Protein backbone atom coordinates (compact mmCIF):
# COMPACT_ATOMS: atom_id res chain seq x y z
CA MET A 1 39.85 42.07 45.12
CA PRO A 2 38.02 45.31 45.08
CA GLU A 3 39.31 47.89 47.67
CA ARG A 4 37.31 48.32 50.83
CA ILE A 5 35.93 51.74 51.33
CA SER A 6 35.44 52.98 54.91
CA GLN A 7 31.88 53.50 55.96
CA ARG A 8 32.91 56.60 58.13
CA SER A 9 31.45 59.87 57.04
CA THR A 10 33.76 62.60 55.92
CA THR A 11 34.25 65.58 58.24
CA GLU A 12 33.54 68.99 56.91
CA LEU A 13 35.67 71.88 58.25
CA PRO A 14 34.02 75.22 58.62
CA ALA A 15 35.20 77.54 55.91
CA PRO A 16 35.38 81.21 56.13
CA SER A 17 32.54 83.21 54.81
CA GLY A 18 32.46 83.40 51.03
CA GLU A 19 34.47 80.19 50.58
CA ALA A 20 33.29 76.72 49.86
CA LYS A 21 33.72 74.04 52.42
CA VAL A 22 36.35 71.53 51.36
CA PRO A 23 35.93 68.07 52.75
CA ARG A 24 39.04 66.66 54.52
CA SER A 25 39.50 63.06 54.95
CA PRO A 26 40.92 61.85 58.23
CA LEU A 27 43.20 59.52 56.31
CA SER A 28 44.91 62.38 54.38
CA SER A 29 48.73 62.78 55.17
CA PRO A 30 50.86 66.10 55.34
CA PRO A 31 52.85 67.02 52.28
CA PRO A 32 56.36 65.64 52.18
CA ARG A 33 59.25 67.86 53.71
CA GLY A 34 62.34 67.95 51.58
CA PRO A 35 65.86 69.47 51.82
CA ALA A 36 64.67 72.83 50.55
CA TRP A 37 62.31 73.21 53.45
CA LEU A 38 65.03 72.41 56.02
CA ARG A 39 67.41 74.89 54.37
CA GLY A 40 64.82 77.64 54.64
CA ARG A 41 64.17 76.99 58.29
CA LEU A 42 67.96 77.09 59.06
CA LEU A 43 68.44 80.37 57.20
CA ALA A 44 65.53 81.91 59.10
CA ALA A 45 67.02 80.88 62.50
CA VAL A 46 70.46 82.28 61.57
CA ALA A 47 68.94 85.56 60.45
CA GLY A 48 67.00 85.86 63.72
CA ALA A 49 70.15 85.22 65.81
CA VAL A 50 72.08 87.86 63.87
CA VAL A 51 69.32 90.42 64.38
CA LEU A 52 69.17 89.65 68.14
CA ALA A 53 72.97 90.02 68.46
CA LEU A 54 72.87 93.36 66.66
CA ILE A 55 70.16 94.59 69.03
CA LEU A 56 72.12 93.52 72.14
CA TRP A 57 75.33 95.11 70.79
CA GLY A 58 73.51 98.39 70.23
CA VAL A 59 72.08 98.42 73.78
CA LEU A 60 75.51 97.74 75.34
CA ALA A 61 77.18 100.38 73.19
CA PHE A 62 74.56 102.91 74.25
CA ARG A 63 75.07 102.10 77.94
CA ARG A 64 78.87 102.33 77.63
CA SER A 65 78.64 105.65 75.90
CA SER A 66 76.31 106.94 78.62
CA ALA A 67 78.62 105.69 81.40
CA GLY A 68 81.64 107.13 79.63
CA ASP A 69 79.94 110.50 79.32
CA ALA A 70 78.99 110.41 83.01
CA SER A 71 82.54 109.43 84.05
CA ALA A 72 83.97 112.09 81.79
CA SER A 73 81.65 114.67 83.32
CA GLN A 74 82.65 113.51 86.80
CA LEU A 75 86.35 113.64 85.98
CA ALA A 76 85.88 117.04 84.37
CA GLY A 77 84.20 118.38 87.52
CA ALA A 78 86.53 116.63 90.03
CA PRO A 79 89.46 118.56 91.49
CA THR A 80 92.88 117.74 90.19
CA GLU A 81 95.96 116.86 92.20
CA THR A 82 99.59 117.40 91.32
CA ILE A 83 102.13 114.59 91.43
CA GLN A 84 105.36 115.87 92.90
CA ASN A 85 108.91 114.62 92.75
CA ARG A 86 110.12 114.55 96.32
CA ASP A 87 111.19 112.21 99.08
CA PHE A 88 108.73 109.44 99.85
CA VAL A 89 108.35 108.97 103.61
CA ARG A 90 106.63 106.03 105.30
CA ALA A 91 105.61 106.99 108.82
CA LEU A 92 103.85 105.48 111.82
CA ARG A 93 101.12 107.59 113.43
CA ILE A 94 100.31 107.15 117.11
CA HIS A 95 97.49 108.97 118.91
CA GLY A 96 97.87 110.18 122.49
CA THR A 97 97.09 112.95 124.95
CA VAL A 98 99.13 116.02 125.84
CA GLU A 99 100.17 116.38 129.47
CA ALA A 100 102.61 118.46 131.47
CA VAL A 101 105.93 117.05 132.61
CA GLN A 102 105.70 118.97 135.89
CA PHE A 103 102.33 119.38 137.55
CA ARG A 104 100.80 119.32 141.01
CA ALA A 105 97.37 117.98 141.81
CA VAL A 106 95.33 119.94 144.36
CA ALA A 107 92.93 117.96 146.54
CA ALA A 108 90.57 118.87 149.36
CA PRO A 109 92.51 118.63 152.65
CA ARG A 110 91.97 115.86 155.17
CA LEU A 111 91.38 117.37 158.62
CA ALA A 112 91.58 115.40 161.87
CA GLY A 113 88.91 115.88 164.46
CA PRO A 114 85.20 115.30 165.04
CA GLY A 115 82.60 116.43 162.53
CA MET A 116 84.97 116.67 159.56
CA GLY A 117 82.61 116.05 156.63
CA SER A 118 82.25 117.87 153.31
CA MET A 119 83.85 121.28 153.01
CA VAL A 120 82.31 124.27 151.25
CA ILE A 121 84.39 126.28 148.76
CA THR A 122 84.21 130.01 149.50
CA ARG A 123 86.93 131.24 147.14
CA LEU A 124 88.19 129.67 143.89
CA VAL A 125 90.66 130.70 141.21
CA ALA A 126 89.41 130.99 137.63
CA PRO A 127 90.13 128.03 135.31
CA GLY A 128 93.03 128.66 132.95
CA ALA A 129 94.45 131.44 135.13
CA THR A 130 98.21 131.91 135.36
CA VAL A 131 99.40 131.76 138.97
CA LYS A 132 102.70 132.18 140.77
CA ARG A 133 104.15 130.12 143.57
CA GLY A 134 102.31 130.96 146.80
CA ASP A 135 99.17 132.42 145.20
CA ILE A 136 95.85 131.35 146.75
CA LEU A 137 94.09 128.74 144.63
CA VAL A 138 91.10 127.78 146.75
CA GLU A 139 89.76 128.61 150.20
CA PHE A 140 87.20 126.59 152.14
CA ASP A 141 84.83 127.68 154.88
CA ARG A 142 87.01 128.20 157.98
CA LEU A 143 84.34 129.29 160.49
CA ASN A 144 84.35 126.08 162.54
CA GLN A 145 88.11 125.89 162.65
CA GLU A 146 88.42 129.55 163.62
CA LYS A 147 85.94 129.02 166.49
CA ASN A 148 87.86 125.94 167.60
CA PHE A 149 91.11 127.86 167.44
CA LEU A 150 89.76 130.74 169.53
CA ASP A 151 88.38 128.33 172.15
CA ARG A 152 91.68 126.47 172.43
CA GLN A 153 93.56 129.75 172.54
CA ALA A 154 91.41 131.04 175.41
CA GLU A 155 91.90 127.77 177.28
CA PHE A 156 95.64 127.94 176.74
CA ARG A 157 95.86 131.49 178.01
CA ASP A 158 93.74 130.66 181.06
CA LEU A 159 96.04 127.76 181.93
CA GLU A 160 99.04 130.01 181.49
CA GLU A 161 97.58 132.42 184.05
CA GLN A 162 96.76 129.56 186.41
CA ILE A 163 100.34 128.35 186.23
CA LYS A 164 101.61 131.84 187.01
CA ARG A 165 99.29 132.14 190.01
CA ARG A 166 100.18 128.66 191.20
CA LYS A 167 103.87 129.45 190.96
CA ALA A 168 103.35 132.63 192.97
CA ASP A 169 101.36 130.76 195.64
CA GLN A 170 103.99 128.06 195.81
CA ALA A 171 106.73 130.65 196.13
CA ALA A 172 104.88 132.28 199.05
CA ALA A 173 104.31 128.90 200.71
CA LYS A 174 107.97 128.06 200.27
CA ALA A 175 108.94 131.34 201.86
CA ARG A 176 106.72 130.57 204.86
CA ASP A 177 108.13 127.10 205.11
CA ASP A 178 111.65 128.48 204.91
CA THR A 179 110.84 130.92 207.71
CA GLU A 180 109.45 128.13 209.89
CA MET A 181 112.50 126.02 209.13
CA LYS A 182 114.79 128.85 210.15
CA GLN A 183 112.81 129.46 213.33
CA ALA A 184 112.93 125.76 214.18
CA GLU A 185 116.65 125.71 213.54
CA ASN A 186 117.14 128.76 215.74
CA ALA A 187 115.00 127.09 218.43
CA VAL A 188 117.31 124.06 218.35
CA ALA A 189 120.34 126.30 218.65
CA ALA A 190 118.80 128.20 221.59
CA ALA A 191 117.83 124.98 223.35
CA ASP A 192 121.37 123.71 222.89
CA LEU A 193 122.73 126.85 224.54
CA GLU A 194 120.39 126.39 227.45
CA MET A 195 121.69 122.86 227.85
CA ARG A 196 125.11 124.28 228.67
CA LYS A 197 123.67 125.77 231.88
CA ASN A 198 122.64 122.40 233.22
CA GLU A 199 125.78 122.14 235.38
CA VAL A 200 124.98 125.29 237.31
CA ILE A 201 121.20 125.05 237.53
CA SER A 202 118.89 122.73 239.39
CA ARG A 203 118.11 119.27 238.18
CA ILE A 204 114.53 120.15 237.36
CA ASP A 205 115.61 123.05 235.15
CA ALA A 206 118.20 120.84 233.51
CA GLU A 207 115.51 118.26 232.67
CA LYS A 208 113.32 121.06 231.26
CA ASN A 209 116.19 122.26 229.09
CA GLN A 210 116.73 118.68 227.87
CA GLN A 211 113.06 118.33 227.08
CA ASN A 212 112.99 121.68 225.23
CA LEU A 213 116.01 120.63 223.16
CA GLU A 214 114.40 117.35 222.21
CA GLU A 215 111.15 119.12 221.28
CA ALA A 216 113.03 121.67 219.17
CA LYS A 217 114.95 118.94 217.33
CA ALA A 218 111.76 116.94 216.72
CA ARG A 219 109.95 119.96 215.34
CA PHE A 220 112.93 120.78 213.12
CA GLU A 221 113.03 117.22 211.75
CA GLN A 222 109.30 117.27 211.17
CA LEU A 223 109.53 120.59 209.30
CA LYS A 224 112.36 119.20 207.18
CA GLN A 225 110.29 116.18 206.20
CA THR A 226 107.12 118.15 205.48
CA TYR A 227 109.14 120.74 203.60
CA ASN A 228 110.31 118.17 201.07
CA LEU A 229 106.83 116.69 200.79
CA LYS A 230 105.34 120.11 200.21
CA ARG A 231 107.89 120.84 197.49
CA SER A 232 107.15 117.52 195.77
CA ALA A 233 103.40 118.13 195.95
CA ALA A 234 103.84 121.66 194.62
CA LEU A 235 105.89 120.36 191.69
CA ALA A 236 103.29 117.68 190.91
CA ASP A 237 100.46 120.21 191.09
CA LEU A 238 102.36 122.55 188.81
CA ARG A 239 103.15 119.72 186.40
CA ILE A 240 99.44 118.88 186.07
CA LEU A 241 98.69 122.44 185.05
CA GLU A 242 101.61 122.42 182.61
CA ILE A 243 100.34 119.23 180.98
CA GLN A 244 96.89 120.78 180.59
CA ARG A 245 98.50 123.90 179.17
CA ASP A 246 100.57 121.89 176.67
CA ARG A 247 97.49 119.94 175.61
CA ALA A 248 95.55 123.14 175.05
CA ARG A 249 98.50 124.59 173.12
CA ASN A 250 98.67 121.50 170.88
CA ALA A 251 94.94 121.73 170.23
CA MET A 252 95.33 125.43 169.41
CA ASN A 253 98.21 124.74 167.00
CA HIS A 254 96.24 121.88 165.46
CA ALA A 255 93.30 124.19 164.86
CA ARG A 256 95.67 126.77 163.35
CA ARG A 257 97.12 124.16 160.99
CA ASN A 258 93.60 123.14 159.97
CA MET A 259 92.87 126.77 159.22
CA ASP A 260 96.00 126.95 157.08
CA LYS A 261 95.04 123.75 155.24
CA LEU A 262 91.67 125.24 154.34
CA ARG A 263 93.52 127.91 152.37
CA ILE A 264 95.47 126.16 149.60
CA ARG A 265 98.28 128.00 147.85
CA SER A 266 99.95 127.18 144.55
CA PRO A 267 102.96 124.87 144.97
CA LEU A 268 104.51 126.10 141.70
CA ALA A 269 104.09 128.68 138.95
CA GLY A 270 101.92 127.61 136.04
CA ILE A 271 98.40 127.36 134.62
CA VAL A 272 95.32 126.21 136.54
CA VAL A 273 93.52 123.25 134.97
CA PHE A 274 90.27 121.97 136.50
CA VAL A 275 89.63 118.24 136.80
CA PRO A 276 85.98 117.08 136.45
CA ILE A 277 84.60 115.34 139.54
CA GLY A 278 81.33 113.71 140.45
CA ARG A 279 78.59 116.22 141.28
CA PRO A 280 74.89 115.79 142.03
CA GLY A 281 74.03 116.60 138.40
CA GLY A 282 76.83 114.46 136.93
CA MET A 283 80.50 115.00 136.15
CA GLY A 284 81.63 118.62 136.07
CA GLU A 285 84.04 121.23 137.33
CA VAL A 286 83.74 122.61 140.85
CA GLN A 287 82.44 126.10 141.52
CA GLU A 288 82.29 128.45 144.48
CA GLY A 289 79.72 127.20 146.98
CA ASP A 290 80.14 123.51 146.10
CA GLU A 291 80.85 120.87 148.72
CA VAL A 292 83.93 118.72 148.23
CA ARG A 293 84.77 115.54 150.08
CA PRO A 294 88.19 115.40 151.79
CA GLY A 295 90.90 113.94 149.59
CA THR A 296 89.12 114.68 146.29
CA ALA A 297 91.46 116.11 143.62
CA PHE A 298 89.61 118.79 141.65
CA LEU A 299 92.31 120.90 139.94
CA GLN A 300 95.92 120.84 138.79
CA VAL A 301 98.66 123.42 138.42
CA VAL A 302 100.73 122.58 135.35
CA ASP A 303 104.01 124.03 134.15
CA PRO A 304 103.50 124.87 130.43
CA SER A 305 107.22 125.22 129.77
CA ALA A 306 107.67 121.43 129.45
CA MET A 307 104.97 119.28 127.83
CA GLN A 308 104.83 115.68 126.63
CA VAL A 309 102.47 113.26 124.91
CA ARG A 310 101.44 110.02 126.59
CA ALA A 311 100.10 107.31 124.28
CA ARG A 312 99.50 103.57 124.06
CA VAL A 313 101.40 101.73 121.33
CA ASN A 314 100.17 98.49 119.79
CA GLN A 315 102.48 95.53 120.28
CA ALA A 316 102.95 95.27 116.50
CA ASP A 317 104.39 98.82 116.37
CA VAL A 318 106.70 98.55 119.39
CA PRO A 319 109.72 97.24 117.38
CA TYR A 320 109.71 100.44 115.33
CA LEU A 321 110.27 102.68 118.38
CA ARG A 322 113.41 103.29 120.39
CA PRO A 323 114.33 105.92 123.03
CA GLY A 324 115.73 109.10 121.52
CA GLN A 325 114.09 108.57 118.12
CA PRO A 326 112.96 111.89 116.56
CA VAL A 327 109.24 112.40 115.97
CA GLN A 328 106.81 115.08 114.83
CA ILE A 329 103.81 115.97 116.96
CA ARG A 330 100.61 117.54 115.63
CA LEU A 331 97.59 118.68 117.61
CA ASP A 332 94.24 117.45 116.32
CA ALA A 333 92.57 120.72 117.33
CA TYR A 334 95.24 122.84 115.57
CA PRO A 335 96.52 120.99 112.47
CA ASP A 336 98.81 123.88 111.54
CA LEU A 337 100.87 123.42 114.72
CA VAL A 338 103.81 121.04 114.31
CA PHE A 339 106.29 120.41 117.13
CA PRO A 340 109.48 118.39 117.01
CA GLY A 341 110.02 115.81 119.70
CA LYS A 342 111.55 112.48 120.52
CA VAL A 343 110.71 109.16 122.13
CA GLU A 344 111.40 109.46 125.85
CA SER A 345 110.41 106.10 127.32
CA MET A 346 108.64 102.85 126.59
CA ALA A 347 106.92 100.64 129.15
CA ALA A 348 108.53 97.26 129.75
CA ILE A 349 105.23 95.46 130.43
CA GLY A 350 102.20 95.56 128.16
CA VAL A 351 98.57 95.97 129.15
CA THR A 352 95.84 93.72 127.82
CA SER A 353 93.44 95.45 125.47
CA SER A 354 89.78 95.66 126.44
CA MET A 355 88.73 94.72 122.91
CA ASN A 356 90.94 91.66 122.49
CA THR A 357 92.76 89.73 125.20
CA LYS A 358 95.43 88.62 122.72
CA VAL A 359 96.49 92.16 121.82
CA ARG A 360 98.56 94.21 124.25
CA THR A 361 99.49 97.86 124.32
CA PHE A 362 102.56 99.54 125.79
CA ALA A 363 102.60 103.00 127.39
CA ALA A 364 104.99 105.45 125.74
CA THR A 365 105.91 109.09 126.35
CA PHE A 366 107.10 111.57 123.72
CA SER A 367 108.69 114.88 124.71
CA ILE A 368 107.71 118.11 122.93
CA LYS A 369 110.27 120.76 122.03
CA GLY A 370 108.94 124.30 121.98
CA THR A 371 105.97 126.07 123.52
CA ASP A 372 102.79 127.71 122.28
CA PRO A 373 99.82 129.30 124.09
CA ARG A 374 97.56 126.76 122.41
CA LEU A 375 99.58 123.81 123.69
CA LEU A 376 97.51 122.82 126.73
CA PRO A 377 97.06 119.60 128.70
CA ASP A 378 94.39 117.02 127.79
CA LEU A 379 94.49 117.89 124.07
CA SER A 380 94.53 114.95 121.64
CA ALA A 381 97.68 114.76 119.54
CA GLY A 382 99.16 112.61 116.79
CA VAL A 383 102.77 111.47 116.89
CA GLU A 384 104.37 110.71 113.50
CA VAL A 385 107.42 108.44 113.58
CA GLU A 386 109.46 108.25 110.37
CA LEU A 387 110.11 104.60 109.43
CA GLU A 388 111.45 104.81 105.87
CA ARG A 389 112.54 107.50 103.38
CA ARG A 390 113.13 107.17 99.63
CA ALA A 391 114.75 110.08 97.83
CA ASP A 392 113.44 111.58 94.56
CA GLY A 393 110.21 109.66 94.15
CA GLN A 394 106.91 110.53 92.52
CA VAL A 395 104.41 111.14 95.30
CA ALA A 396 100.69 111.61 94.69
CA PRO A 397 98.28 112.78 97.37
CA ARG A 398 96.23 110.08 99.04
CA LYS A 399 92.99 111.83 98.11
CA ALA A 400 93.78 111.46 94.40
CA ALA A 401 94.24 107.71 94.75
CA GLU A 402 90.99 107.42 96.68
CA ARG A 403 89.05 109.35 94.02
CA SER A 404 90.58 107.26 91.25
CA ALA A 405 89.51 104.08 93.01
CA VAL A 406 85.95 105.40 93.35
CA VAL A 407 85.74 106.30 89.63
CA ALA A 408 87.15 102.91 88.62
CA ARG A 409 84.50 101.12 90.65
CA GLN A 410 81.78 103.20 89.02
CA MET A 411 83.03 102.38 85.53
């Protein structure tokens, strides 16, 4: 049978300018792909992968060389440290505060009596001054107490004069009473003598003598009774004045003691250290002219000859400490100062930490051997306790290890 030819029209593809248009049949198939074509495509892919790997290797090498140059420049400019052959010491460092072993706190005195409010400072020693025992540290306004003392003193002296006058009056009254008693006694004796004449005189005169004797005896008995009553009354009156005098004397002595309390003297020789207290503008040290409430401690007198460090030790570090263990103490403000010392005491009961209720701290004191003018109370200090020592070891400074770690992280 003759082949059937499709009635579809052939499609003409636009040809570029200057070229003839070649008709393309929709039934035409692509040329066959053989092994040579597949081999070419595989070689092209391998060549592209090799070129890409070479490019990546070059970029990484460039970056490494740049980083190496930078690290080398950093190491060249960084300071060097020397590794030494010496004893390696592992120590425990505890931070605390310097305080005096012997000190006396000075507080505003508490005075008894009406109207005892705030007291005004009229005289005050300079902070940091060196004082001796008995030197005046502070003096408060004593005007009211001086006025009270003078009033009580005048009252006391007036009562003393009243007692003297009353004693003189009572002595004169006693003398009069003694005279009357003697006269009455003499009258009884005279009447008794007259009674002896009754046998030779008339009956009427005898009765008169008897009546006179009875009257004389009655008067004498009356004077005896009133004499004792007068003496008792005089003693009671005098005792009232003496009680008033003693009360005035106690008030006078009380005012004098208040005056003495308003002038505070140093209880020991040492250095004056001020303690900040609450003031209208905030916490601060007192000055002359300030008002201080009774019982407020505002300064201390410390003995600089014996100092110690008080610190709080974590419960994990307590097993490393024991009383009498030697330590080294350094002041944070003066790193060049190093003092030997030892562990003096450790608290038996721990205190719960404010940051974690499961962690406790124990109060410890470390004594300081030696003195220095710069060793003052309230300075922060570090206590180094030696825990372990290895002889003849290579020791590098901590700063060198830290710098090496930083450079390694950068590389």
